[in-house]
């Protein structure tokens, strides 16, 4: 849905998206990356016990939106050049679904072997992507 939303926004307010888009992406990615990075060290100090499941509830929604910002940008760009969106959105959705499934399987194995260091690395990657949006 994010590419379609970006496409629709670009058709309505192209200048606002160009100005505010990178800053919104920066704020979301920096916030989530910082929270992941700080949380990884907090969990490392805590005893191994029952952990909150990040694949449920509000955490899932926030992570999904953050992960979809690139698709929003692509949809926005496609709207500016007048491209068709339906086939592209289906392709984005299928690809994102497969990649998410693979990432969840890989993430489970990595977290079992490396623990909170994987979460810290993920947070740093999100922070780096946030900085890239404003550069």
N, C-alpha and C. Protein backbone atom coordinates (compact mmCIF):
# COMPACT_ATOMS: atom_id res chain seq x y z
N UNK A 1 0.81 -1.21 0.00
CA UNK A 1 0.00 0.00 0.00
C UNK A 1 0.86 1.27 0.00
N UNK A 2 2.09 1.19 0.52
CA UNK A 2 2.92 2.39 0.59
C UNK A 2 3.27 2.96 -0.78
N UNK A 3 3.60 2.13 -1.79
CA UNK A 3 3.85 2.73 -3.11
C UNK A 3 2.62 3.43 -3.67
N UNK A 4 1.45 2.86 -3.43
CA UNK A 4 0.22 3.48 -3.92
C UNK A 4 -0.03 4.80 -3.18
N UNK A 5 0.20 4.80 -1.88
CA UNK A 5 0.03 6.03 -1.11
C UNK A 5 1.01 7.10 -1.60
N UNK A 6 2.27 6.73 -1.82
CA UNK A 6 3.25 7.68 -2.34
C UNK A 6 2.85 8.21 -3.70
N UNK A 7 2.33 7.34 -4.55
CA UNK A 7 1.89 7.74 -5.89
C UNK A 7 0.74 8.74 -5.80
N UNK A 8 -0.23 8.45 -4.92
CA UNK A 8 -1.37 9.35 -4.75
C UNK A 8 -0.95 10.71 -4.20
N UNK A 9 -0.05 10.69 -3.23
CA UNK A 9 0.43 11.96 -2.65
C UNK A 9 1.15 12.79 -3.71
N UNK A 10 1.97 12.13 -4.53
CA UNK A 10 2.73 12.87 -5.55
C UNK A 10 1.80 13.52 -6.57
N UNK A 11 0.65 12.93 -6.79
CA UNK A 11 -0.31 13.49 -7.74
C UNK A 11 -1.05 14.69 -7.14
N UNK A 12 -1.13 14.74 -5.80
CA UNK A 12 -1.88 15.81 -5.14
C UNK A 12 -0.98 16.98 -4.71
N UNK A 13 0.12 16.66 -4.06
CA UNK A 13 1.00 17.71 -3.49
C UNK A 13 2.47 17.38 -3.75
N UNK A 14 2.93 17.50 -4.98
CA UNK A 14 4.31 17.10 -5.29
C UNK A 14 5.37 17.92 -4.56
N UNK A 15 5.17 19.20 -4.38
CA UNK A 15 6.18 20.03 -3.73
C UNK A 15 6.32 19.74 -2.24
N UNK A 16 5.20 19.48 -1.57
CA UNK A 16 5.25 19.19 -0.13
C UNK A 16 6.03 17.91 0.13
N UNK A 17 5.85 16.92 -0.71
CA UNK A 17 6.57 15.67 -0.54
C UNK A 17 8.06 15.82 -0.75
N UNK A 18 8.44 16.64 -1.71
CA UNK A 18 9.87 16.87 -1.95
C UNK A 18 10.53 17.55 -0.78
N UNK A 19 9.83 18.47 -0.16
CA UNK A 19 10.41 19.24 0.94
C UNK A 19 10.40 18.44 2.24
N UNK A 20 9.26 17.86 2.61
CA UNK A 20 9.10 17.23 3.91
C UNK A 20 9.40 15.74 3.92
N UNK A 21 9.32 15.07 2.79
CA UNK A 21 9.52 13.63 2.73
C UNK A 21 10.82 13.12 3.37
N UNK A 22 11.97 13.68 2.97
CA UNK A 22 13.21 13.21 3.57
C UNK A 22 13.31 13.43 5.08
N UNK A 23 12.74 14.54 5.56
CA UNK A 23 12.79 14.83 7.00
C UNK A 23 11.89 13.90 7.79
N UNK A 24 10.74 13.56 7.24
CA UNK A 24 9.85 12.61 7.91
C UNK A 24 10.50 11.24 7.96
N UNK A 25 11.10 10.81 6.84
CA UNK A 25 11.79 9.53 6.80
C UNK A 25 12.95 9.51 7.80
N UNK A 26 13.71 10.61 7.85
CA UNK A 26 14.82 10.71 8.81
C UNK A 26 14.32 10.55 10.23
N UNK A 27 13.27 11.29 10.59
CA UNK A 27 12.76 11.25 11.97
C UNK A 27 12.29 9.86 12.36
N UNK A 28 11.53 9.20 11.49
CA UNK A 28 11.03 7.86 11.81
C UNK A 28 12.17 6.85 11.94
N UNK A 29 13.06 6.82 10.96
CA UNK A 29 14.15 5.84 11.00
C UNK A 29 15.11 6.10 12.15
N UNK A 30 15.42 7.37 12.41
CA UNK A 30 16.34 7.69 13.51
C UNK A 30 15.73 7.30 14.85
N UNK A 31 14.45 7.58 15.03
CA UNK A 31 13.77 7.23 16.28
C UNK A 31 13.77 5.72 16.49
N UNK A 32 13.36 4.97 15.48
CA UNK A 32 13.29 3.51 15.62
C UNK A 32 14.67 2.91 15.79
N UNK A 33 15.66 3.39 15.01
CA UNK A 33 17.02 2.88 15.12
C UNK A 33 17.62 3.16 16.49
N UNK A 34 17.42 4.36 17.01
CA UNK A 34 17.93 4.71 18.34
C UNK A 34 17.30 3.85 19.42
N UNK A 35 15.99 3.64 19.29
CA UNK A 35 15.27 2.82 20.27
C UNK A 35 15.77 1.37 20.23
N UNK A 36 15.99 0.85 19.02
CA UNK A 36 16.51 -0.52 18.90
C UNK A 36 17.91 -0.63 19.49
N UNK A 37 18.77 0.34 19.18
CA UNK A 37 20.14 0.31 19.65
C UNK A 37 20.20 0.37 21.17
N UNK A 38 19.48 1.32 21.76
CA UNK A 38 19.47 1.45 23.22
C UNK A 38 18.82 0.23 23.88
N UNK A 39 17.75 -0.26 23.29
CA UNK A 39 17.05 -1.42 23.84
C UNK A 39 17.88 -2.69 23.82
N UNK A 40 18.77 -2.81 22.85
CA UNK A 40 19.60 -4.01 22.77
C UNK A 40 20.53 -4.11 23.97
N UNK A 41 21.05 -2.99 24.45
CA UNK A 41 21.94 -3.03 25.60
C UNK A 41 21.16 -3.22 26.89
N UNK A 42 19.95 -2.69 26.94
CA UNK A 42 19.12 -2.88 28.12
C UNK A 42 18.77 -4.36 28.28
N UNK A 43 18.40 -5.00 27.17
CA UNK A 43 18.05 -6.42 27.23
C UNK A 43 19.26 -7.29 27.53
N UNK A 44 20.43 -6.86 27.10
CA UNK A 44 21.64 -7.65 27.36
C UNK A 44 21.92 -7.71 28.86
N UNK A 45 21.56 -6.64 29.58
CA UNK A 45 21.81 -6.62 31.03
C UNK A 45 20.73 -7.35 31.82
N UNK A 46 19.56 -7.46 31.25
CA UNK A 46 18.47 -8.13 31.95
C UNK A 46 18.64 -9.64 31.90
N UNK A 47 18.00 -10.30 32.81
CA UNK A 47 18.04 -11.76 32.78
C UNK A 47 17.26 -12.29 31.59
N UNK A 48 17.66 -13.45 31.13
CA UNK A 48 16.92 -14.09 30.04
C UNK A 48 15.56 -14.51 30.60
N UNK A 49 14.54 -14.00 30.04
CA UNK A 49 13.19 -14.32 30.50
C UNK A 49 12.21 -14.11 29.38
N UNK A 50 10.99 -13.89 29.75
CA UNK A 50 9.93 -13.66 28.77
C UNK A 50 10.16 -12.32 28.10
N UNK A 51 10.30 -12.29 26.78
CA UNK A 51 10.51 -11.06 26.01
C UNK A 51 9.23 -10.69 25.27
N UNK A 52 9.05 -9.41 25.08
CA UNK A 52 7.93 -8.95 24.27
C UNK A 52 8.17 -9.36 22.82
N UNK A 53 7.13 -9.76 22.15
CA UNK A 53 7.24 -10.20 20.77
C UNK A 53 7.11 -9.00 19.84
N UNK A 54 8.20 -8.62 19.11
CA UNK A 54 8.13 -7.45 18.24
C UNK A 54 7.30 -7.67 16.98
N UNK A 55 6.81 -8.90 16.78
CA UNK A 55 6.01 -9.18 15.58
C UNK A 55 4.52 -9.10 15.87
N UNK A 56 4.16 -8.42 16.97
CA UNK A 56 2.75 -8.27 17.33
C UNK A 56 2.48 -6.83 17.77
N UNK A 57 1.25 -6.41 17.60
CA UNK A 57 0.79 -5.14 18.14
C UNK A 57 1.41 -3.90 17.50
N UNK A 58 1.60 -2.88 18.34
CA UNK A 58 2.09 -1.59 17.88
C UNK A 58 3.51 -1.70 17.32
N UNK A 59 4.34 -2.56 17.92
CA UNK A 59 5.71 -2.73 17.42
C UNK A 59 5.70 -3.17 15.96
N UNK A 60 4.84 -4.09 15.63
CA UNK A 60 4.74 -4.56 14.24
C UNK A 60 4.32 -3.43 13.32
N UNK A 61 3.36 -2.63 13.74
CA UNK A 61 2.89 -1.53 12.91
C UNK A 61 4.00 -0.50 12.68
N UNK A 62 4.71 -0.11 13.74
CA UNK A 62 5.77 0.89 13.61
C UNK A 62 6.90 0.37 12.74
N UNK A 63 7.33 -0.86 12.96
CA UNK A 63 8.40 -1.44 12.15
C UNK A 63 7.98 -1.60 10.69
N UNK A 64 6.73 -1.91 10.46
CA UNK A 64 6.23 -2.06 9.08
C UNK A 64 6.26 -0.73 8.34
N UNK A 65 5.82 0.32 9.00
CA UNK A 65 5.83 1.64 8.37
C UNK A 65 7.27 2.07 8.10
N UNK A 66 8.16 1.87 9.06
CA UNK A 66 9.55 2.25 8.86
C UNK A 66 10.18 1.48 7.71
N UNK A 67 9.88 0.21 7.61
CA UNK A 67 10.45 -0.61 6.54
C UNK A 67 9.86 -0.28 5.19
N UNK A 68 8.71 0.36 5.16
CA UNK A 68 8.03 0.67 3.90
C UNK A 68 8.32 2.07 3.38
N UNK A 69 9.18 2.82 4.06
CA UNK A 69 9.45 4.19 3.62
C UNK A 69 10.09 4.24 2.23
N UNK A 70 10.91 3.27 1.91
CA UNK A 70 11.52 3.26 0.58
C UNK A 70 10.45 3.03 -0.49
N UNK A 71 9.49 2.17 -0.21
CA UNK A 71 8.40 1.94 -1.16
C UNK A 71 7.55 3.20 -1.32
N UNK A 72 7.37 3.95 -0.25
CA UNK A 72 6.66 5.21 -0.33
C UNK A 72 7.39 6.18 -1.26
N UNK A 73 8.70 6.24 -1.10
CA UNK A 73 9.51 7.12 -1.95
C UNK A 73 9.47 6.71 -3.41
N UNK A 74 9.51 5.40 -3.67
CA UNK A 74 9.43 4.92 -5.05
C UNK A 74 8.07 5.25 -5.65
N UNK A 75 7.02 5.04 -4.90
CA UNK A 75 5.68 5.38 -5.38
C UNK A 75 5.55 6.87 -5.66
N UNK A 76 6.14 7.67 -4.80
CA UNK A 76 6.12 9.12 -5.00
C UNK A 76 6.84 9.49 -6.30
N UNK A 77 8.01 8.90 -6.51
CA UNK A 77 8.77 9.16 -7.73
C UNK A 77 8.03 8.70 -8.98
N UNK A 78 7.38 7.55 -8.90
CA UNK A 78 6.63 7.04 -10.04
C UNK A 78 5.45 7.94 -10.37
N UNK A 79 4.84 8.52 -9.34
CA UNK A 79 3.74 9.45 -9.59
C UNK A 79 4.20 10.72 -10.26
N UNK A 80 5.40 11.18 -9.89
CA UNK A 80 5.93 12.40 -10.50
C UNK A 80 6.23 12.22 -11.98
N UNK A 81 6.67 11.01 -12.38
CA UNK A 81 6.98 10.79 -13.80
C UNK A 81 5.79 10.23 -14.57
N UNK A 82 4.67 9.99 -13.90
CA UNK A 82 3.46 9.56 -14.58
C UNK A 82 3.38 8.07 -14.87
N UNK A 83 4.08 7.24 -14.13
CA UNK A 83 4.06 5.79 -14.35
C UNK A 83 2.77 5.16 -13.84
N UNK A 84 2.45 3.97 -14.39
CA UNK A 84 1.31 3.19 -13.92
C UNK A 84 1.68 2.54 -12.59
N UNK A 85 0.74 2.46 -11.68
CA UNK A 85 1.07 2.00 -10.34
C UNK A 85 0.59 0.60 -10.01
N UNK A 86 -0.45 0.08 -10.62
CA UNK A 86 -1.07 -1.16 -10.19
C UNK A 86 -0.11 -2.35 -10.29
N UNK A 87 0.48 -2.58 -11.45
CA UNK A 87 1.39 -3.72 -11.62
C UNK A 87 2.61 -3.57 -10.73
N UNK A 88 3.12 -2.36 -10.61
CA UNK A 88 4.29 -2.12 -9.75
C UNK A 88 3.97 -2.40 -8.29
N UNK A 89 2.79 -2.00 -7.84
CA UNK A 89 2.41 -2.22 -6.45
C UNK A 89 2.28 -3.71 -6.14
N UNK A 90 1.73 -4.47 -7.07
CA UNK A 90 1.63 -5.93 -6.88
C UNK A 90 3.03 -6.54 -6.80
N UNK A 91 3.92 -6.12 -7.69
CA UNK A 91 5.30 -6.62 -7.67
C UNK A 91 5.99 -6.26 -6.36
N UNK A 92 5.82 -5.01 -5.90
CA UNK A 92 6.40 -4.59 -4.61
C UNK A 92 5.87 -5.46 -3.48
N UNK A 93 4.57 -5.69 -3.46
CA UNK A 93 3.95 -6.45 -2.38
C UNK A 93 4.45 -7.88 -2.30
N UNK A 94 4.51 -8.55 -3.45
CA UNK A 94 4.98 -9.94 -3.46
C UNK A 94 6.45 -10.01 -3.04
N UNK A 95 7.26 -9.13 -3.60
CA UNK A 95 8.69 -9.11 -3.26
C UNK A 95 8.89 -8.81 -1.78
N UNK A 96 8.19 -7.81 -1.26
CA UNK A 96 8.33 -7.46 0.15
C UNK A 96 7.87 -8.60 1.06
N UNK A 97 6.80 -9.29 0.68
CA UNK A 97 6.32 -10.42 1.48
C UNK A 97 7.34 -11.54 1.56
N UNK A 98 7.92 -11.89 0.42
CA UNK A 98 8.93 -12.96 0.40
C UNK A 98 10.17 -12.54 1.19
N UNK A 99 10.62 -11.31 0.97
CA UNK A 99 11.82 -10.85 1.69
C UNK A 99 11.57 -10.75 3.20
N UNK A 100 10.38 -10.36 3.61
CA UNK A 100 10.05 -10.30 5.03
C UNK A 100 10.08 -11.69 5.65
N UNK A 101 9.52 -12.67 4.96
CA UNK A 101 9.52 -14.04 5.47
C UNK A 101 10.95 -14.55 5.63
N UNK A 102 11.80 -14.33 4.62
CA UNK A 102 13.20 -14.77 4.69
C UNK A 102 13.92 -14.04 5.82
N UNK A 103 13.68 -12.73 5.96
CA UNK A 103 14.34 -11.95 7.01
C UNK A 103 13.92 -12.41 8.40
N UNK A 104 12.66 -12.77 8.58
CA UNK A 104 12.21 -13.24 9.89
C UNK A 104 12.86 -14.58 10.24
N UNK A 105 12.97 -15.46 9.26
CA UNK A 105 13.63 -16.75 9.51
C UNK A 105 15.10 -16.54 9.83
N UNK A 106 15.77 -15.70 9.04
CA UNK A 106 17.19 -15.42 9.26
C UNK A 106 17.40 -14.69 10.58
N UNK A 107 16.51 -13.72 10.88
CA UNK A 107 16.62 -12.98 12.13
C UNK A 107 16.48 -13.86 13.35
N UNK A 108 15.60 -14.85 13.28
CA UNK A 108 15.43 -15.77 14.41
C UNK A 108 16.72 -16.54 14.67
N UNK A 109 17.33 -17.04 13.61
CA UNK A 109 18.58 -17.78 13.76
C UNK A 109 19.71 -16.89 14.26
N UNK A 110 19.81 -15.68 13.72
CA UNK A 110 20.87 -14.77 14.14
C UNK A 110 20.71 -14.36 15.59
N UNK A 111 19.46 -14.10 16.02
CA UNK A 111 19.26 -13.69 17.41
C UNK A 111 19.56 -14.82 18.38
N UNK A 112 19.34 -16.06 17.96
CA UNK A 112 19.68 -17.19 18.82
C UNK A 112 21.20 -17.30 18.99
N UNK A 113 21.94 -17.02 17.92
CA UNK A 113 23.39 -17.16 17.97
C UNK A 113 24.12 -15.93 18.49
N UNK A 114 23.59 -14.74 18.22
CA UNK A 114 24.32 -13.52 18.56
C UNK A 114 23.60 -12.63 19.55
N UNK A 115 22.36 -12.94 19.89
CA UNK A 115 21.62 -12.20 20.90
C UNK A 115 21.39 -10.74 20.57
N UNK A 116 21.64 -9.88 21.55
CA UNK A 116 21.30 -8.46 21.42
C UNK A 116 22.23 -7.71 20.47
N UNK A 117 23.36 -8.28 20.12
CA UNK A 117 24.28 -7.59 19.19
C UNK A 117 23.65 -7.43 17.81
N UNK A 118 22.82 -8.37 17.41
CA UNK A 118 22.13 -8.26 16.12
C UNK A 118 21.16 -7.09 16.15
N UNK A 119 20.45 -6.91 17.25
CA UNK A 119 19.52 -5.79 17.38
C UNK A 119 20.27 -4.46 17.38
N UNK A 120 21.42 -4.41 18.04
CA UNK A 120 22.24 -3.19 18.05
C UNK A 120 22.70 -2.86 16.63
N UNK A 121 23.14 -3.85 15.90
CA UNK A 121 23.58 -3.64 14.52
C UNK A 121 22.41 -3.15 13.65
N UNK A 122 21.24 -3.75 13.82
CA UNK A 122 20.05 -3.31 13.08
C UNK A 122 19.70 -1.86 13.39
N UNK A 123 19.82 -1.47 14.65
CA UNK A 123 19.56 -0.08 15.03
C UNK A 123 20.54 0.88 14.38
N UNK A 124 21.82 0.49 14.35
CA UNK A 124 22.82 1.34 13.69
C UNK A 124 22.58 1.46 12.19
N UNK A 125 22.13 0.38 11.57
CA UNK A 125 21.82 0.43 10.14
C UNK A 125 20.65 1.38 9.88
N UNK A 126 19.62 1.33 10.73
CA UNK A 126 18.49 2.26 10.56
C UNK A 126 18.92 3.71 10.76
N UNK A 127 19.80 3.96 11.72
CA UNK A 127 20.30 5.31 11.93
C UNK A 127 21.09 5.79 10.71
N UNK A 128 21.91 4.91 10.14
CA UNK A 128 22.67 5.26 8.94
C UNK A 128 21.73 5.57 7.77
N UNK A 129 20.68 4.78 7.61
CA UNK A 129 19.70 5.05 6.55
C UNK A 129 19.00 6.38 6.79
N UNK A 130 18.71 6.70 8.06
CA UNK A 130 18.06 7.97 8.38
C UNK A 130 18.94 9.14 7.96
N UNK A 131 20.23 9.04 8.26
CA UNK A 131 21.16 10.11 7.89
C UNK A 131 21.25 10.23 6.37
N UNK A 132 21.21 9.10 5.68
CA UNK A 132 21.27 9.12 4.22
C UNK A 132 20.08 9.88 3.63
N UNK A 133 18.91 9.80 4.25
CA UNK A 133 17.74 10.51 3.73
C UNK A 133 17.94 12.02 3.72
N UNK A 134 18.66 12.57 4.71
CA UNK A 134 18.81 14.03 4.73
C UNK A 134 20.08 14.49 4.04
N UNK A 135 20.97 13.57 3.73
CA UNK A 135 22.18 13.95 2.97
C UNK A 135 21.79 13.98 1.53
